[in-house]
Protein backbone atom coordinates (compact mmCIF):
# COMPACT_ATOMS: atom_id res chain seq x y z
CA MET A 1 25.50 -16.56 -6.19
CA VAL A 2 24.65 -20.21 -5.59
CA ALA A 3 23.60 -20.69 -9.22
CA SER A 4 26.97 -19.40 -10.50
CA LEU A 5 28.82 -21.67 -8.05
CA GLN A 6 27.04 -24.82 -9.21
CA PRO A 7 28.24 -24.61 -12.86
CA VAL A 8 31.75 -23.63 -11.74
CA ARG A 9 32.06 -26.78 -9.64
CA LEU A 10 30.98 -29.01 -12.52
CA THR A 11 33.63 -27.59 -14.85
CA ALA A 12 36.27 -27.79 -12.11
CA ARG A 13 35.41 -31.42 -11.38
CA THR A 14 35.42 -32.50 -15.03
CA PRO A 15 39.11 -31.69 -15.79
CA PRO A 16 40.57 -33.25 -12.60
CA VAL A 17 38.46 -36.40 -12.93
CA SER A 18 39.32 -36.97 -16.60
CA PRO A 19 43.13 -36.86 -16.17
CA LEU A 20 42.98 -38.87 -12.95
CA GLN A 21 41.07 -41.75 -14.54
CA PRO A 22 43.59 -42.42 -17.35
CA VAL A 23 46.53 -41.91 -14.99
CA ARG A 24 45.27 -44.64 -12.66
CA LEU A 25 44.85 -47.07 -15.55
CA THR A 26 48.43 -46.57 -16.72
CA VAL A 27 49.73 -46.89 -13.16
CA ARG A 28 47.76 -50.08 -12.60
CA VAL A 29 49.13 -51.73 -15.73
CA PRO A 30 52.83 -51.51 -14.75
CA GLN A 31 52.11 -52.39 -11.10
CA PRO A 32 50.75 -55.93 -11.70
């Protein structure tokens, strides 16, 4: 059970982190 949860968290963290990184860059450009 723990083994199956580990891989699931990695895949779930990859998508949210990728879109958040580029979004912050675009938001920082117009701000300053």
